[in-house]
Amino acid sequence: MAAFQGATPTPRRSAENLIQATYQAALAPGIALQPILQDVVHPGSGIAHPRDPDGKRVRTATVFGLRAITRSGAGCGASLNPAAAGCPGRGSARRP
């Protein structure tokens, strides 16, 4: 359906919504994979598809991504918080 604004018909727009799910799996010390799944409902707020001669709206889009994370020197040096990783003498006020 088109809403008339002046002499040119334009598509009636709504809200664009994004649903995202992600998880990070540690495969080994210093190596992790993070898959990402996104579902975009009404991309472009329901804009008309630019390549469709009938002007139908852009459909829901599903996007999948995979992120690889590596940290060199796996172990105490690779941790962002050495005290939480149980590394002796690093990140704590106590010294032996």
Foldseek 3Di string as FASTA:
>chain_A
DFDDDDPDTFRDFADKDKDKDKDWDAPDQFKIKMKMKMKIQQVVRQGFDPPDPVRGTDHIDIDIDMDITGFPPGDQVRDPQNVVSVNPPPNDPDDD
